[in-house]
Every structure is written in C-alpha cells, then in structure tokens.
Amino acid sequence: MFIAPRWFQRDVQLIDRDWFVCWNPYKERWQIRMWRVDSPFDRKINTDFPTIARKSVAIETVCFYDENFTKDIGYKPLDQRTLHSLRISRKNAENPDYVLKQIDDANAKLDEEWDKEISLMAKEVAVADWKHRKELFVDFGAR
C-alpha cells in the first residue's frame, strides 16, 4: 500500500483533522477520506484498503476530470493544486450562503443573456414574417 507524503498528510489535517489520505488500489488513485463517527478508534492508515474503506467515507478522489467534471480521465499527483481544491471545497461547505449567492448571480446572468437571445430571435422571426407577407402581398397584387 502506498503512503502519502507526510507534508501532504499534515496539510490535509490542517484543513480538517478528521481527513486523511490513502491509496485506493481498485481505482489506482489517491483518495481523501474521513473517518466514520461510528468506527472504532483503532484508526490506522497503514492497514489494508478494504479495512480503511469500511471505517471511512471518501471525500474526494484525486484525479483529473473531463470538462463536465463527471469522468476520471487520469492520474493526478498529490500537490498544492489538490490542497487548494480541498480548501475551496471546505470553504464552500462551511459557507453555503456564499455558494448560493454565486449560483444566484450566475443564474441571473444566464437569464439576462437568454432574454437578449430570445428578443433577438423574436426580431428575426418578425422581420422574416414581414418579408414573407410582403412577398405574398406583392405576388397577390400583381395578378
């Protein structure tokens, strides 16, 4: 079983004291995990992964994701980028109002863009309809 570097373990513990890092041999990825509340207090990270998995919950699997953040597309090393994303995740979990405000602002911007797009489409349809009716009137009037 692979052991995460001590500096990384320490920095993860500074983010949340119940979090730890271990290697998941099934996914072949590092995982940030949290001990279950009901697990016995013999919390040893150097035991085999199935034992750790029963006593803990996965917080995050450290990997590169596709553009939709839905599919694991590659190994990602344990470095400062991972710690930064963990800090952001922790901050967002502790401040849901901040996250909800960001979501509301983004949705308001999308609504404005959508309204502009709809009005432009409506103008295009109106112009096309007017041209079509005008052609019909000209053709009808010529007979």
Protein backbone atom coordinates (compact mmCIF):
# COMPACT_ATOMS: atom_id res chain seq x y z
CA MET A 1 0.00 0.00 0.00
CA PHE A 2 1.28 3.46 -0.90
CA ILE A 3 1.68 6.05 1.83
CA ALA A 4 1.09 9.73 1.11
CA PRO A 5 3.94 12.14 1.84
CA ARG A 6 3.97 13.39 5.43
CA TRP A 7 3.86 17.05 4.39
CA PHE A 8 0.70 16.37 2.38
CA GLN A 9 -0.92 14.40 5.22
CA ARG A 10 -0.09 17.26 7.59
CA ASP A 11 -1.59 19.91 5.29
CA VAL A 12 -4.75 17.83 4.82
CA GLN A 13 -5.03 17.51 8.61
CA LEU A 14 -4.77 21.32 8.85
CA ILE A 15 -7.79 21.63 6.55
CA ASP A 16 -9.80 19.09 8.58
CA ARG A 17 -8.43 16.99 11.41
CA ASP A 18 -10.68 14.02 10.54
CA TRP A 19 -9.44 13.81 6.95
CA PHE A 20 -6.59 11.60 5.78
CA VAL A 21 -5.05 10.48 2.50
CA CYS A 22 -4.77 6.90 1.31
CA TRP A 23 -4.21 4.98 -1.89
CA ASN A 24 -7.24 3.22 -3.40
CA PRO A 25 -5.80 0.18 -5.21
CA TYR A 26 -9.08 -0.52 -7.02
CA LYS A 27 -9.26 2.90 -8.66
CA GLU A 28 -5.47 3.34 -8.62
CA ARG A 29 -5.96 6.87 -7.32
CA TRP A 30 -5.28 8.78 -4.12
CA GLN A 31 -8.35 9.45 -2.03
CA ILE A 32 -9.12 11.98 0.65
CA ARG A 33 -11.19 10.16 3.23
CA MET A 34 -12.85 10.94 6.55
CA TRP A 35 -13.22 8.55 9.46
CA ARG A 36 -16.77 7.42 10.21
CA VAL A 37 -18.13 8.57 13.54
CA ASP A 38 -19.13 5.02 14.49
CA SER A 39 -15.75 3.47 13.56
CA PRO A 40 -13.63 2.06 16.36
CA PHE A 41 -10.75 4.21 17.46
CA ASP A 42 -8.02 1.96 16.06
CA ARG A 43 -7.66 4.32 13.13
CA LYS A 44 -4.56 3.09 11.36
CA ILE A 45 -3.88 4.30 7.85
CA ASN A 46 -1.23 1.64 7.27
CA THR A 47 -3.81 -1.19 7.24
CA ASP A 48 -5.25 -2.69 4.06
CA PHE A 49 -7.66 -0.61 1.97
CA PRO A 50 -10.85 -2.71 2.49
CA THR A 51 -10.49 -2.18 6.25
CA ILE A 52 -9.97 1.55 5.76
CA ALA A 53 -12.92 1.74 3.36
CA ARG A 54 -15.26 0.18 5.94
CA LYS A 55 -14.15 2.66 8.61
CA SER A 56 -14.16 5.79 6.47
CA VAL A 57 -16.01 7.77 3.81
CA ALA A 58 -14.46 9.06 0.60
CA ILE A 59 -14.41 12.85 0.45
CA GLU A 60 -12.63 13.19 -2.89
CA THR A 61 -10.77 11.03 -5.36
CA VAL A 62 -7.69 12.86 -6.56
CA CYS A 63 -7.70 12.72 -10.36
CA PHE A 64 -8.09 14.81 -13.48
CA TYR A 65 -11.69 15.08 -14.68
CA ASP A 66 -13.18 15.76 -18.11
CA GLU A 67 -14.65 19.19 -18.93
CA ASN A 68 -18.00 18.26 -17.32
CA PHE A 69 -16.31 17.00 -14.12
CA THR A 70 -18.08 13.67 -14.48
CA LYS A 71 -15.41 11.23 -15.68
CA ASP A 72 -11.97 10.39 -14.33
CA ILE A 73 -9.52 10.91 -17.20
CA GLY A 74 -6.16 10.45 -15.50
CA TYR A 75 -3.86 10.23 -12.52
CA LYS A 76 -3.21 13.44 -10.59
CA PRO A 77 -0.28 13.72 -8.17
CA LEU A 78 -0.61 14.98 -4.63
CA ASP A 79 0.48 18.61 -4.81
CA GLN A 80 -0.55 22.16 -3.97
CA ARG A 81 -3.34 22.15 -6.59
CA THR A 82 -5.03 19.32 -4.73
CA LEU A 83 -4.68 21.12 -1.41
CA HIS A 84 -6.10 24.29 -2.97
CA SER A 85 -9.18 22.44 -4.27
CA LEU A 86 -9.66 20.83 -0.84
CA ARG A 87 -9.51 24.23 0.85
CA ILE A 88 -12.07 25.62 -1.61
CA SER A 89 -14.34 22.60 -1.07
CA ARG A 90 -14.08 23.01 2.68
CA LYS A 91 -14.74 26.76 2.48
CA ASN A 92 -17.81 26.17 0.29
CA ALA A 93 -19.11 23.53 2.69
CA GLU A 94 -18.72 25.91 5.63
CA ASN A 95 -20.27 28.88 3.78
CA PRO A 96 -23.30 27.66 1.82
CA ASP A 97 -24.73 31.19 1.62
CA TYR A 98 -21.65 32.33 -0.30
CA VAL A 99 -22.00 29.44 -2.74
CA LEU A 100 -25.74 30.04 -3.17
CA LYS A 101 -25.08 33.72 -3.88
CA GLN A 102 -22.55 32.77 -6.56
CA ILE A 103 -25.08 30.38 -8.10
CA ASP A 104 -27.84 33.01 -8.00
CA ASP A 105 -25.56 35.59 -9.64
CA ALA A 106 -24.58 33.15 -12.37
CA ASN A 107 -28.22 32.22 -12.97
CA ALA A 108 -29.23 35.90 -13.16
CA LYS A 109 -26.51 36.50 -15.77
CA LEU A 110 -27.70 33.48 -17.77
CA ASP A 111 -31.30 34.74 -17.56
CA GLU A 112 -30.25 38.14 -18.92
CA GLU A 113 -28.32 36.53 -21.78
CA TRP A 114 -31.27 34.25 -22.52
CA ASP A 115 -33.71 37.17 -22.57
CA LYS A 116 -31.47 39.05 -25.01
CA GLU A 117 -31.19 35.98 -27.22
CA ILE A 118 -34.96 35.44 -27.17
CA SER A 119 -35.63 39.08 -28.11
CA LEU A 120 -33.12 38.87 -30.99
CA MET A 121 -34.75 35.65 -32.21
CA ALA A 122 -38.19 37.26 -31.97
CA LYS A 123 -36.99 40.25 -34.04
CA GLU A 124 -35.50 37.91 -36.66
CA VAL A 125 -38.77 35.96 -36.86
CA ALA A 126 -40.80 39.17 -37.12
CA VAL A 127 -38.59 40.51 -39.94
CA ALA A 128 -38.72 37.18 -41.80
CA ASP A 129 -42.51 37.04 -41.35
CA TRP A 130 -42.90 40.62 -42.58
CA LYS A 131 -40.76 39.89 -45.66
CA HIS A 132 -42.76 36.74 -46.39
CA ARG A 133 -46.12 38.54 -46.03
CA LYS A 134 -44.84 41.40 -48.18
CA GLU A 135 -43.83 38.94 -50.93
CA LEU A 136 -47.25 37.29 -50.74
CA PHE A 137 -48.99 40.66 -50.96
CA VAL A 138 -46.84 41.75 -53.93
CA ASP A 139 -47.46 38.43 -55.70
CA PHE A 140 -51.20 38.60 -54.98
CA GLY A 141 -51.43 42.23 -56.05
CA ALA A 142 -49.66 41.54 -59.38
CA ARG A 143 -52.37 39.15 -60.62
